[in-house]
C-alpha atoms as a PDB file:
ATOM      1  CA  UNK A   1      10.971   4.023  -6.518  1.00  0.00           C
ATOM      2  CA  UNK A   2      11.302   1.792  -9.544  1.00  0.00           C
ATOM      3  CA  UNK A   3       8.260   0.316 -11.194  1.00  0.00           C
ATOM      4  CA  UNK A   4       9.158  -3.166  -9.917  1.00  0.00           C
ATOM      5  CA  UNK A   5       9.149  -1.928  -6.339  1.00  0.00           C
ATOM      6  CA  UNK A   6       5.736  -0.274  -6.335  1.00  0.00           C
ATOM      7  CA  UNK A   7       2.926  -1.773  -4.337  1.00  0.00           C
ATOM      8  CA  UNK A   8       0.964  -2.330  -7.521  1.00  0.00           C
ATOM      9  CA  UNK A   9       3.855  -4.103  -9.272  1.00  0.00           C
ATOM     10  CA  UNK A  10       4.404  -6.403  -6.308  1.00  0.00           C
ATOM     11  CA  UNK A  11       0.695  -7.183  -6.122  1.00  0.00           C
ATOM     12  CA  UNK A  12       0.602  -7.945  -9.848  1.00  0.00           C
ATOM     13  CA  UNK A  13       3.583 -10.282  -9.481  1.00  0.00           C
ATOM     14  CA  UNK A  14       1.920 -12.039  -6.540  1.00  0.00           C
ATOM     15  CA  UNK A  15      -1.244 -12.530  -8.590  1.00  0.00           C
ATOM     16  CA  UNK A  16       0.874 -13.904 -11.441  1.00  0.00           C
ATOM     17  CA  UNK A  17       2.548 -16.380  -9.095  1.00  0.00           C
ATOM     18  CA  UNK A  18      -0.811 -17.538  -7.726  1.00  0.00           C
ATOM     19  CA  UNK A  19      -2.109 -18.095 -11.261  1.00  0.00           C
ATOM     20  CA  UNK A  20       1.010 -20.043 -12.233  1.00  0.00           C
ATOM     21  CA  UNK A  21       0.831 -22.240  -9.143  1.00  0.00           C
ATOM     22  CA  UNK A  22      -2.901 -22.820  -9.652  1.00  0.00           C
ATOM     23  CA  UNK A  23      -2.800 -23.528 -13.356  1.00  0.00           C
ATOM     24  CA  UNK A  24       0.482 -24.988 -14.462  1.00  0.00           C
ATOM     25  CA  UNK A  25       2.046 -28.318 -13.800  1.00  0.00           C
ATOM     26  CA  UNK A  26       5.396 -27.370 -12.306  1.00  0.00           C
ATOM     27  CA  UNK A  27       8.116 -29.535 -10.931  1.00  0.00           C
ATOM     28  CA  UNK A  28       8.498 -29.406  -7.180  1.00  0.00           C
ATOM     29  CA  UNK A  29      11.636 -27.251  -7.197  1.00  0.00           C
ATOM     30  CA  UNK A  30      10.116 -24.570  -9.439  1.00  0.00           C
ATOM     31  CA  UNK A  31       6.901 -24.558  -7.420  1.00  0.00           C
ATOM     32  CA  UNK A  32       8.878 -24.163  -4.183  1.00  0.00           C
ATOM     33  CA  UNK A  33      10.836 -21.217  -5.611  1.00  0.00           C
ATOM     34  CA  UNK A  34       7.640 -19.486  -6.736  1.00  0.00           C
ATOM     35  CA  UNK A  35       5.954 -20.213  -3.417  1.00  0.00           C
ATOM     36  CA  UNK A  36       8.886 -18.670  -1.548  1.00  0.00           C
ATOM     37  CA  UNK A  37       8.788 -15.569  -3.762  1.00  0.00           C
ATOM     38  CA  UNK A  38       5.039 -15.271  -3.270  1.00  0.00           C
ATOM     39  CA  UNK A  39       5.363 -15.599   0.485  1.00  0.00           C
ATOM     40  CA  UNK A  40       7.970 -12.818   0.592  1.00  0.00           C
ATOM     41  CA  UNK A  41       5.828 -10.560  -1.607  1.00  0.00           C
ATOM     42  CA  UNK A  42       2.812 -11.208   0.594  1.00  0.00           C
ATOM     43  CA  UNK A  43       4.805 -10.229   3.672  1.00  0.00           C
ATOM     44  CA  UNK A  44       6.050  -7.016   2.025  1.00  0.00           C
ATOM     45  CA  UNK A  45       2.550  -6.066   0.879  1.00  0.00           C
ATOM     46  CA  UNK A  46       1.070  -6.704   4.324  1.00  0.00           C
ATOM     47  CA  UNK A  47       3.730  -4.551   5.966  1.00  0.00           C
ATOM     48  CA  UNK A  48       3.083  -1.720   3.508  1.00  0.00           C
ATOM     49  CA  UNK A  49      -0.666  -1.880   4.176  1.00  0.00           C
ATOM     50  CA  UNK A  50      -0.062  -1.752   7.933  1.00  0.00           C
ATOM     51  CA  UNK A  51       2.268   1.225   7.461  1.00  0.00           C
ATOM     52  CA  UNK A  52      -0.323   3.106   5.413  1.00  0.00           C
ATOM     53  CA  UNK A  53      -3.067   2.246   7.909  1.00  0.00           C
ATOM     54  CA  UNK A  54      -0.936   3.681  10.714  1.00  0.00           C
ATOM     55  CA  UNK A  55      -0.312   6.886   8.738  1.00  0.00           C
ATOM     56  CA  UNK A  56      -4.014   7.301   7.955  1.00  0.00           C
ATOM     57  CA  UNK A  57      -4.958   6.779  11.601  1.00  0.00           C
ATOM     58  CA  UNK A  58      -2.330   9.307  12.700  1.00  0.00           C
ATOM     59  CA  UNK A  59      -3.601  11.866  10.193  1.00  0.00           C
ATOM     60  CA  UNK A  60      -7.190  11.304  11.264  1.00  0.00           C
ATOM     61  CA  UNK A  61      -6.204  11.780  14.896  1.00  0.00           C
ATOM     62  CA  UNK A  62      -4.465  15.053  14.036  1.00  0.00           C
ATOM     63  CA  UNK A  63      -7.496  16.150  12.048  1.00  0.00           C
ATOM     64  CA  UNK A  64      -9.729  15.665  15.065  1.00  0.00           C
ATOM     65  CA  UNK A  65      -7.813  18.454  16.822  1.00  0.00           C
ATOM     66  CA  UNK A  66      -8.290  20.930  13.996  1.00  0.00           C
ATOM     67  CA  UNK A  67     -11.003  23.520  14.138  1.00  0.00           C
ATOM     68  CA  UNK A  68     -12.904  24.253  10.985  1.00  0.00           C
ATOM     69  CA  UNK A  69     -13.453  27.861  10.067  1.00  0.00           C
ATOM     70  CA  UNK A  70     -16.158  29.052   7.712  1.00  0.00           C
ATOM     71  CA  UNK A  71     -14.974  30.029   4.270  1.00  0.00           C
ATOM     72  CA  UNK A  72     -15.400  33.663   3.369  1.00  0.00           C
ATOM     73  CA  UNK A  73     -15.065  35.293  -0.040  1.00  0.00           C
ATOM     74  CA  UNK A  74     -14.104  38.556   1.629  1.00  0.00           C
ATOM     75  CA  UNK A  75     -10.401  39.243   2.090  1.00  0.00           C
ATOM     76  CA  UNK A  76      -9.319  39.176   5.680  1.00  0.00           C
ATOM     77  CA  UNK A  77      -8.431  42.489   7.238  1.00  0.00           C
ATOM     78  CA  UNK A  78      -4.975  42.689   8.709  1.00  0.00           C
ATOM     79  CA  UNK A  79      -4.476  44.534  11.953  1.00  0.00           C
ATOM     80  CA  UNK A  80      -1.546  46.973  11.878  1.00  0.00           C
END
């Protein structure tokens, strides 16, 4: 994954767009282009967060079925 496509890079770009739209006096066409880019980034970031949430929930559900065993410093004996 290239640096531009990471979650963090997309989030940074979205924050940059928000700051530009909040602070600068842009013409309507430029503002519309930035708004469209920001909307697409927001959608991509939301989808990624939902995907990660699903994975975490699936892993937690699997973990609930696991049995914990006490840790022992002694080597386990193998039965022949």
